[in-house]
Amino acid sequence: MVLSQIVGCIAAFFNAVTFVPQVCKTWKTKSAGDVSIQMFIISTTNASLWSIYGIGINDPIVYTVNTIVFLLSVSQIILKVKYDRANKK
C-alpha cells in the first residue's frame, strides 16, 4: 500500500465517522431541536451519489465509506423527525 492509499484510508475512516457523535447525542438526549435536517438531507444525497460513483468505478473505499455516511445521515433524519414530533406533543 502506497502512502496516498494510506492517507485515503485514514481520510475515509474520519469521513465515515463524521456523524457518529451527532447521531449518538441525538439518540441519548432524545432531542434534535438544533439539528439541521436540510444538512442531513444534503449529506444523504451526497453520500448516495458518491456510493453509486464508487460502485461504478469499482472502488470499495469510496462506496463503503459513503454507504456508512448515508446510513448515519438517514439515521439522523429519522431521529430528527421522531424527536421533533415527540417534543411537539
PDB file of N, CA and C in Angstrom:
ATOM      1  N   MET A   1       0.855  -1.176   0.000  1.00  0.00           N
ATOM      2  CA  MET A   1       0.000   0.000   0.000  1.00  0.00           C
ATOM      3  C   MET A   1       0.904   1.243   0.000  1.00  0.00           C
ATOM      4  N   VAL A   2       0.651   2.138  -0.922  1.00  0.00           N
ATOM      5  CA  VAL A   2       1.445   3.365  -1.005  1.00  0.00           C
ATOM      6  C   VAL A   2       0.881   4.423  -0.070  1.00  0.00           C
ATOM      7  N   LEU A   3       1.689   5.458   0.175  1.00  0.00           N
ATOM      8  CA  LEU A   3       1.313   6.497   1.123  1.00  0.00           C
ATOM      9  C   LEU A   3      -0.030   7.140   0.786  1.00  0.00           C
ATOM     10  N   SER A   4      -0.286   7.389  -0.482  1.00  0.00           N
ATOM     11  CA  SER A   4      -1.566   8.034  -0.847  1.00  0.00           C
ATOM     12  C   SER A   4      -2.757   7.147  -0.500  1.00  0.00           C
ATOM     13  N   GLN A   5      -2.604   5.842  -0.614  1.00  0.00           N
ATOM     14  CA  GLN A   5      -3.693   4.929  -0.238  1.00  0.00           C
ATOM     15  C   GLN A   5      -3.897   4.913   1.274  1.00  0.00           C
ATOM     16  N   ILE A   6      -2.804   4.986   2.010  1.00  0.00           N
ATOM     17  CA  ILE A   6      -2.904   5.015   3.479  1.00  0.00           C
ATOM     18  C   ILE A   6      -3.617   6.299   3.918  1.00  0.00           C
ATOM     19  N   VAL A   7      -3.213   7.421   3.338  1.00  0.00           N
ATOM     20  CA  VAL A   7      -3.857   8.693   3.658  1.00  0.00           C
ATOM     21  C   VAL A   7      -5.329   8.635   3.262  1.00  0.00           C
ATOM     22  N   GLY A   8      -5.632   8.061   2.110  1.00  0.00           N
ATOM     23  CA  GLY A   8      -7.019   7.913   1.659  1.00  0.00           C
ATOM     24  C   GLY A   8      -7.845   7.073   2.619  1.00  0.00           C
ATOM     25  N   CYS A   9      -7.264   6.000   3.113  1.00  0.00           N
ATOM     26  CA  CYS A   9      -7.979   5.139   4.074  1.00  0.00           C
ATOM     27  C   CYS A   9      -8.237   5.872   5.386  1.00  0.00           C
ATOM     28  N   ILE A  10      -7.256   6.633   5.846  1.00  0.00           N
ATOM     29  CA  ILE A  10      -7.434   7.395   7.084  1.00  0.00           C
ATOM     30  C   ILE A  10      -8.519   8.463   6.894  1.00  0.00           C
ATOM     31  N   ALA A  11      -8.458   9.169   5.765  1.00  0.00           N
ATOM     32  CA  ALA A  11      -9.481  10.185   5.471  1.00  0.00           C
ATOM     33  C   ALA A  11     -10.856   9.541   5.352  1.00  0.00           C
ATOM     34  N   ALA A  12     -10.923   8.379   4.726  1.00  0.00           N
ATOM     35  CA  ALA A  12     -12.190   7.666   4.576  1.00  0.00           C
ATOM     36  C   ALA A  12     -12.760   7.294   5.941  1.00  0.00           C
ATOM     37  N   PHE A  13     -11.906   6.843   6.837  1.00  0.00           N
ATOM     38  CA  PHE A  13     -12.359   6.490   8.182  1.00  0.00           C
ATOM     39  C   PHE A  13     -12.991   7.699   8.875  1.00  0.00           C
ATOM     40  N   PHE A  14     -12.276   8.831   8.844  1.00  0.00           N
ATOM     41  CA  PHE A  14     -12.810  10.027   9.506  1.00  0.00           C
ATOM     42  C   PHE A  14     -14.089  10.520   8.833  1.00  0.00           C
ATOM     43  N   ASN A  15     -14.164  10.393   7.535  1.00  0.00           N
ATOM     44  CA  ASN A  15     -15.386  10.760   6.828  1.00  0.00           C
ATOM     45  C   ASN A  15     -16.546   9.862   7.259  1.00  0.00           C
ATOM     46  N   ALA A  16     -16.262   8.590   7.413  1.00  0.00           N
ATOM     47  CA  ALA A  16     -17.307   7.629   7.781  1.00  0.00           C
ATOM     48  C   ALA A  16     -17.853   7.875   9.180  1.00  0.00           C
ATOM     49  N   VAL A  17     -17.023   8.353  10.092  1.00  0.00           N
ATOM     50  CA  VAL A  17     -17.473   8.530  11.474  1.00  0.00           C
ATOM     51  C   VAL A  17     -17.872   9.973  11.791  1.00  0.00           C
ATOM     52  N   THR A  18     -17.912  10.825  10.777  1.00  0.00           N
ATOM     53  CA  THR A  18     -18.238  12.238  10.978  1.00  0.00           C
ATOM     54  C   THR A  18     -19.517  12.447  11.768  1.00  0.00           C
ATOM     55  N   PHE A  19     -20.565  11.705  11.451  1.00  0.00           N
ATOM     56  CA  PHE A  19     -21.867  11.958  12.062  1.00  0.00           C
ATOM     57  C   PHE A  19     -22.158  11.083  13.275  1.00  0.00           C
ATOM     58  N   VAL A  20     -21.248  10.200  13.643  1.00  0.00           N
ATOM     59  CA  VAL A  20     -21.480   9.322  14.794  1.00  0.00           C
ATOM     60  C   VAL A  20     -21.741  10.124  16.065  1.00  0.00           C
ATOM     61  N   PRO A  21     -20.941  11.148  16.394  1.00  0.00           N
ATOM     62  CA  PRO A  21     -21.229  11.893  17.634  1.00  0.00           C
ATOM     63  C   PRO A  21     -22.610  12.554  17.638  1.00  0.00           C
ATOM     64  N   GLN A  22     -23.031  13.110  16.512  1.00  0.00           N
ATOM     65  CA  GLN A  22     -24.340  13.765  16.465  1.00  0.00           C
ATOM     66  C   GLN A  22     -25.474  12.762  16.595  1.00  0.00           C
ATOM     67  N   VAL A  23     -25.362  11.640  15.906  1.00  0.00           N
ATOM     68  CA  VAL A  23     -26.399  10.607  15.993  1.00  0.00           C
ATOM     69  C   VAL A  23     -26.481  10.081  17.427  1.00  0.00           C
ATOM     70  N   CYS A  24     -25.334   9.818  18.036  1.00  0.00           N
ATOM     71  CA  CYS A  24     -25.322   9.315  19.420  1.00  0.00           C
ATOM     72  C   CYS A  24     -25.912  10.334  20.393  1.00  0.00           C
ATOM     73  N   LYS A  25     -25.547  11.609  20.225  1.00  0.00           N
ATOM     74  CA  LYS A  25     -26.072  12.643  21.120  1.00  0.00           C
ATOM     75  C   LYS A  25     -27.585  12.775  20.968  1.00  0.00           C
ATOM     76  N   THR A  26     -28.059  12.766  19.725  1.00  0.00           N
ATOM     77  CA  THR A  26     -29.491  12.886  19.489  1.00  0.00           C
ATOM     78  C   THR A  26     -30.234  11.711  20.102  1.00  0.00           C
ATOM     79  N   TRP A  27     -29.706  10.522  19.919  1.00  0.00           N
ATOM     80  CA  TRP A  27     -30.338   9.322  20.456  1.00  0.00           C
ATOM     81  C   TRP A  27     -30.348   9.365  21.984  1.00  0.00           C
ATOM     82  N   LYS A  28     -29.226   9.771  22.566  1.00  0.00           N
ATOM     83  CA  LYS A  28     -29.086   9.801  24.015  1.00  0.00           C
ATOM     84  C   LYS A  28     -30.006  10.842  24.663  1.00  0.00           C
ATOM     85  N   THR A  29     -30.022  12.052  24.084  1.00  0.00           N
ATOM     86  CA  THR A  29     -30.807  13.132  24.679  1.00  0.00           C
ATOM     87  C   THR A  29     -32.264  13.126  24.241  1.00  0.00           C
ATOM     88  N   LYS A  30     -32.560  12.352  23.217  1.00  0.00           N
ATOM     89  CA  LYS A  30     -33.909  12.294  22.643  1.00  0.00           C
ATOM     90  C   LYS A  30     -34.395  13.684  22.229  1.00  0.00           C
ATOM     91  N   SER A  31     -33.448  14.459  21.717  1.00  0.00           N
ATOM     92  CA  SER A  31     -33.747  15.823  21.276  1.00  0.00           C
ATOM     93  C   SER A  31     -32.903  16.143  20.052  1.00  0.00           C
ATOM     94  N   ALA A  32     -33.544  16.751  19.063  1.00  0.00           N
ATOM     95  CA  ALA A  32     -32.833  17.129  17.838  1.00  0.00           C
ATOM     96  C   ALA A  32     -33.216  18.536  17.413  1.00  0.00           C
ATOM     97  N   GLY A  33     -33.585  19.364  18.380  1.00  0.00           N
ATOM     98  CA  GLY A  33     -34.058  20.701  18.083  1.00  0.00           C
ATOM     99  C   GLY A  33     -33.066  21.563  17.321  1.00  0.00           C
ATOM    100  N   ASP A  34     -31.797  21.441  17.624  1.00  0.00           N
ATOM    101  CA  ASP A  34     -30.785  22.276  16.981  1.00  0.00           C
ATOM    102  C   ASP A  34     -30.153  21.621  15.757  1.00  0.00           C
ATOM    103  N   VAL A  35     -30.640  20.458  15.384  1.00  0.00           N
ATOM    104  CA  VAL A  35     -30.079  19.742  14.239  1.00  0.00           C
ATOM    105  C   VAL A  35     -30.742  20.238  12.951  1.00  0.00           C
ATOM    106  N   SER A  36     -29.925  20.532  11.966  1.00  0.00           N
ATOM    107  CA  SER A  36     -30.439  20.984  10.674  1.00  0.00           C
ATOM    108  C   SER A  36     -30.780  19.779   9.795  1.00  0.00           C
ATOM    109  N   ILE A  37     -32.064  19.566   9.574  1.00  0.00           N
ATOM    110  CA  ILE A  37     -32.478  18.445   8.735  1.00  0.00           C
ATOM    111  C   ILE A  37     -32.030  18.654   7.288  1.00  0.00           C
ATOM    112  N   GLN A  38     -31.968  19.909   6.851  1.00  0.00           N
ATOM    113  CA  GLN A  38     -31.535  20.192   5.484  1.00  0.00           C
ATOM    114  C   GLN A  38     -30.097  19.726   5.256  1.00  0.00           C
ATOM    115  N   MET A  39     -29.235  19.939   6.242  1.00  0.00           N
ATOM    116  CA  MET A  39     -27.853  19.497   6.117  1.00  0.00           C
ATOM    117  C   MET A  39     -27.771  17.988   5.970  1.00  0.00           C
ATOM    118  N   PHE A  40     -28.592  17.279   6.710  1.00  0.00           N
ATOM    119  CA  PHE A  40     -28.555  15.822   6.624  1.00  0.00           C
ATOM    120  C   PHE A  40     -29.208  15.305   5.348  1.00  0.00           C
ATOM    121  N   ILE A  41     -30.180  16.023   4.817  1.00  0.00           N
ATOM    122  CA  ILE A  41     -30.752  15.647   3.522  1.00  0.00           C
ATOM    123  C   ILE A  41     -29.701  15.827   2.430  1.00  0.00           C
ATOM    124  N   ILE A  42     -28.966  16.926   2.491  1.00  0.00           N
ATOM    125  CA  ILE A  42     -27.888  17.147   1.524  1.00  0.00           C
ATOM    126  C   ILE A  42     -26.809  16.076   1.676  1.00  0.00           C
ATOM    127  N   SER A  43     -26.455  15.767   2.899  1.00  0.00           N
ATOM    128  CA  SER A  43     -25.446  14.742   3.156  1.00  0.00           C
ATOM    129  C   SER A  43     -25.890  13.375   2.641  1.00  0.00           C
ATOM    130  N   THR A  44     -27.162  13.042   2.853  1.00  0.00           N
ATOM    131  CA  THR A  44     -27.703  11.766   2.373  1.00  0.00           C
ATOM    132  C   THR A  44     -27.633  11.691   0.853  1.00  0.00           C
ATOM    133  N   THR A  45     -28.022  12.772   0.202  1.00  0.00           N
ATOM    134  CA  THR A  45     -27.961  12.822  -1.263  1.00  0.00           C
ATOM    135  C   THR A  45     -26.526  12.693  -1.747  1.00  0.00           C
ATOM    136  N   ASN A  46     -25.634  13.452  -1.129  1.00  0.00           N
ATOM    137  CA  ASN A  46     -24.223  13.420  -1.497  1.00  0.00           C
ATOM    138  C   ASN A  46     -23.633  12.018  -1.323  1.00  0.00           C
ATOM    139  N   ALA A  47     -23.871  11.416  -0.177  1.00  0.00           N
ATOM    140  CA  ALA A  47     -23.319  10.088   0.098  1.00  0.00           C
ATOM    141  C   ALA A  47     -23.877   9.035  -0.850  1.00  0.00           C
ATOM    142  N   SER A  48     -25.164   9.131  -1.181  1.00  0.00           N
ATOM    143  CA  SER A  48     -25.737   8.149  -2.104  1.00  0.00           C
ATOM    144  C   SER A  48     -25.112   8.288  -3.493  1.00  0.00           C
ATOM    145  N   LEU A  49     -24.895   9.528  -3.930  1.00  0.00           N
ATOM    146  CA  LEU A  49     -24.260   9.734  -5.238  1.00  0.00           C
ATOM    147  C   LEU A  49     -22.814   9.242  -5.243  1.00  0.00           C
ATOM    148  N   TRP A  50     -22.076   9.512  -4.170  1.00  0.00           N
ATOM    149  CA  TRP A  50     -20.709   9.018  -4.089  1.00  0.00           C
ATOM    150  C   TRP A  50     -20.672   7.489  -4.028  1.00  0.00           C
ATOM    151  N   SER A  51     -21.629   6.885  -3.346  1.00  0.00           N
ATOM    152  CA  SER A  51     -21.688   5.412  -3.304  1.00  0.00           C
ATOM    153  C   SER A  51     -21.916   4.839  -4.693  1.00  0.00           C
ATOM    154  N   ILE A  52     -22.842   5.430  -5.424  1.00  0.00           N
ATOM    155  CA  ILE A  52     -23.109   4.981  -6.796  1.00  0.00           C
ATOM    156  C   ILE A  52     -21.857   5.146  -7.650  1.00  0.00           C
ATOM    157  N   TYR A  53     -21.197   6.282  -7.502  1.00  0.00           N
ATOM    158  CA  TYR A  53     -19.959   6.529  -8.229  1.00  0.00           C
ATOM    159  C   TYR A  53     -18.902   5.478  -7.862  1.00  0.00           C
ATOM    160  N   GLY A  54     -18.739   5.209  -6.573  1.00  0.00           N
ATOM    161  CA  GLY A  54     -17.767   4.215  -6.115  1.00  0.00           C
ATOM    162  C   GLY A  54     -18.037   2.831  -6.677  1.00  0.00           C
ATOM    163  N   ILE A  55     -19.313   2.475  -6.746  1.00  0.00           N
ATOM    164  CA  ILE A  55     -19.678   1.190  -7.357  1.00  0.00           C
ATOM    165  C   ILE A  55     -19.329   1.217  -8.845  1.00  0.00           C
ATOM    166  N   GLY A  56     -19.619   2.345  -9.492  1.00  0.00           N
ATOM    167  CA  GLY A  56     -19.354   2.478 -10.924  1.00  0.00           C
ATOM    168  C   GLY A  56     -17.890   2.349 -11.285  1.00  0.00           C
ATOM    169  N   ILE A  57     -17.017   2.877 -10.419  1.00  0.00           N
ATOM    170  CA  ILE A  57     -15.581   2.774 -10.701  1.00  0.00           C
ATOM    171  C   ILE A  57     -14.943   1.603  -9.955  1.00  0.00           C
ATOM    172  N   ASN A  58     -15.769   0.820  -9.295  1.00  0.00           N
ATOM    173  CA  ASN A  58     -15.323  -0.357  -8.550  1.00  0.00           C
ATOM    174  C   ASN A  58     -14.260  -0.006  -7.506  1.00  0.00           C
ATOM    175  N   ASP A  59     -14.557   1.009  -6.688  1.00  0.00           N
ATOM    176  CA  ASP A  59     -13.651   1.431  -5.624  1.00  0.00           C
ATOM    177  C   ASP A  59     -14.324   1.186  -4.285  1.00  0.00           C
ATOM    178  N   PRO A  60     -13.940   0.087  -3.607  1.00  0.00           N
ATOM    179  CA  PRO A  60     -14.612  -0.274  -2.360  1.00  0.00           C
ATOM    180  C   PRO A  60     -14.473   0.775  -1.257  1.00  0.00           C
ATOM    181  N   ILE A  61     -13.367   1.511  -1.242  1.00  0.00           N
ATOM    182  CA  ILE A  61     -13.218   2.540  -0.216  1.00  0.00           C
ATOM    183  C   ILE A  61     -14.286   3.618  -0.410  1.00  0.00           C
ATOM    184  N   VAL A  62     -14.459   4.073  -1.633  1.00  0.00           N
ATOM    185  CA  VAL A  62     -15.428   5.131  -1.915  1.00  0.00           C
ATOM    186  C   VAL A  62     -16.844   4.677  -1.589  1.00  0.00           C
ATOM    187  N   TYR A  63     -17.240   3.496  -2.077  1.00  0.00           N
ATOM    188  CA  TYR A  63     -18.636   3.106  -1.839  1.00  0.00           C
ATOM    189  C   TYR A  63     -18.896   2.632  -0.419  1.00  0.00           C
ATOM    190  N   THR A  64     -17.929   2.046   0.245  1.00  0.00           N
ATOM    191  CA  THR A  64     -18.144   1.595   1.617  1.00  0.00           C
ATOM    192  C   THR A  64     -18.292   2.783   2.565  1.00  0.00           C
ATOM    193  N   VAL A  65     -17.365   3.717   2.476  1.00  0.00           N
ATOM    194  CA  VAL A  65     -17.408   4.889   3.346  1.00  0.00           C
ATOM    195  C   VAL A  65     -18.692   5.675   3.133  1.00  0.00           C
ATOM    196  N   ASN A  66     -19.045   5.888   1.889  1.00  0.00           N
ATOM    197  CA  ASN A  66     -20.225   6.692   1.613  1.00  0.00           C
ATOM    198  C   ASN A  66     -21.519   5.965   1.941  1.00  0.00           C
ATOM    199  N   THR A  67     -21.511   4.664   1.907  1.00  0.00           N
ATOM    200  CA  THR A  67     -22.678   3.903   2.361  1.00  0.00           C
ATOM    201  C   THR A  67     -22.848   4.072   3.871  1.00  0.00           C
ATOM    202  N   ILE A  68     -21.739   4.077   4.601  1.00  0.00           N
ATOM    203  CA  ILE A  68     -21.795   4.298   6.046  1.00  0.00           C
ATOM    204  C   ILE A  68     -22.314   5.708   6.344  1.00  0.00           C
ATOM    205  N   VAL A  69     -21.786   6.704   5.637  1.00  0.00           N
ATOM    206  CA  VAL A  69     -22.239   8.088   5.821  1.00  0.00           C
ATOM    207  C   VAL A  69     -23.723   8.196   5.478  1.00  0.00           C
ATOM    208  N   PHE A  70     -24.141   7.549   4.401  1.00  0.00           N
ATOM    209  CA  PHE A  70     -25.550   7.543   4.008  1.00  0.00           C
ATOM    210  C   PHE A  70     -26.414   6.986   5.145  1.00  0.00           C
ATOM    211  N   LEU A  71     -26.032   5.849   5.691  1.00  0.00           N
ATOM    212  CA  LEU A  71     -26.820   5.227   6.761  1.00  0.00           C
ATOM    213  C   LEU A  71     -26.870   6.099   8.013  1.00  0.00           C
ATOM    214  N   LEU A  72     -25.753   6.726   8.359  1.00  0.00           N
ATOM    215  CA  LEU A  72     -25.743   7.618   9.524  1.00  0.00           C
ATOM    216  C   LEU A  72     -26.612   8.854   9.277  1.00  0.00           C
ATOM    217  N   SER A  73     -26.547   9.391   8.075  1.00  0.00           N
ATOM    218  CA  SER A  73     -27.359  10.562   7.747  1.00  0.00           C
ATOM    219  C   SER A  73     -28.842  10.232   7.782  1.00  0.00           C
ATOM    220  N   VAL A  74     -29.207   9.090   7.224  1.00  0.00           N
ATOM    221  CA  VAL A  74     -30.610   8.663   7.254  1.00  0.00           C
ATOM    222  C   VAL A  74     -31.046   8.438   8.707  1.00  0.00           C
ATOM    223  N   SER A  75     -30.175   7.839   9.503  1.00  0.00           N
ATOM    224  CA  SER A  75     -30.495   7.622  10.919  1.00  0.00           C
ATOM    225  C   SER A  75     -30.766   8.946  11.622  1.00  0.00           C
ATOM    226  N   GLN A  76     -29.935   9.951  11.334  1.00  0.00           N
ATOM    227  CA  GLN A  76     -30.125  11.256  11.962  1.00  0.00           C
ATOM    228  C   GLN A  76     -31.425  11.900  11.507  1.00  0.00           C
ATOM    229  N   ILE A  77     -31.768  11.761  10.245  1.00  0.00           N
ATOM    230  CA  ILE A  77     -33.041  12.309   9.750  1.00  0.00           C
ATOM    231  C   ILE A  77     -34.210  11.639  10.462  1.00  0.00           C
ATOM    232  N   ILE A  78     -34.157  10.338  10.598  1.00  0.00           N
ATOM    233  CA  ILE A  78     -35.226   9.596  11.281  1.00  0.00           C
ATOM    234  C   ILE A  78     -35.343  10.064  12.734  1.00  0.00           C
ATOM    235  N   LEU A  79     -34.200  10.186  13.418  1.00  0.00           N
ATOM    236  CA  LEU A  79     -34.226  10.646  14.806  1.00  0.00           C
ATOM    237  C   LEU A  79     -34.758  12.072  14.907  1.00  0.00           C
ATOM    238  N   LYS A  80     -34.348  12.923  13.989  1.00  0.00           N
ATOM    239  CA  LYS A  80     -34.820  14.321  13.977  1.00  0.00           C
ATOM    240  C   LYS A  80     -36.338  14.371  13.856  1.00  0.00           C
ATOM    241  N   VAL A  81     -36.881  13.648  12.901  1.00  0.00           N
ATOM    242  CA  VAL A  81     -38.337  13.644  12.690  1.00  0.00           C
ATOM    243  C   VAL A  81     -39.041  13.046  13.911  1.00  0.00           C
ATOM    244  N   LYS A  82     -38.530  11.939  14.397  1.00  0.00           N
ATOM    245  CA  LYS A  82     -39.149  11.260  15.538  1.00  0.00           C
ATOM    246  C   LYS A  82     -39.173  12.149  16.783  1.00  0.00           C
ATOM    247  N   TYR A  83     -38.038  12.731  17.134  1.00  0.00           N
ATOM    248  CA  TYR A  83     -37.964  13.506  18.369  1.00  0.00           C
ATOM    249  C   TYR A  83     -38.621  14.875  18.235  1.00  0.00           C
ATOM    250  N   ASP A  84     -38.594  15.446  17.041  1.00  0.00           N
ATOM    251  CA  ASP A  84     -39.327  16.708  16.861  1.00  0.00           C
ATOM    252  C   ASP A  84     -40.822  16.490  17.037  1.00  0.00           C
ATOM    253  N   ARG A  85     -41.340  15.391  16.512  1.00  0.00           N
ATOM    254  CA  ARG A  85     -42.766  15.074  16.686  1.00  0.00           C
ATOM    255  C   ARG A  85     -43.094  14.801  18.149  1.00  0.00           C
ATOM    256  N   ALA A  86     -42.224  14.054  18.814  1.00  0.00           N
ATOM    257  CA  ALA A  86     -42.469  13.704  20.210  1.00  0.00           C
ATOM    258  C   ALA A  86     -42.432  14.941  21.109  1.00  0.00           C
ATOM    259  N   ASN A  87     -41.557  15.890  20.803  1.00  0.00           N
ATOM    260  CA  ASN A  87     -41.427  17.086  21.619  1.00  0.00           C
ATOM    261  C   ASN A  87     -42.546  18.102  21.365  1.00  0.00           C
ATOM    262  N   LYS A  88     -43.295  17.952  20.270  1.00  0.00           N
ATOM    263  CA  LYS A  88     -44.401  18.853  19.958  1.00  0.00           C
ATOM    264  C   LYS A  88     -45.679  18.451  20.700  1.00  0.00           C
ATOM    265  N   LYS A  89     -45.726  17.217  21.195  1.00  0.00           N
ATOM    266  CA  LYS A  89     -46.942  16.721  21.857  1.00  0.00           C
ATOM    267  C   LYS A  89     -47.089  17.306  23.238  1.00  0.00           C
TER     268      LYS A  89
END
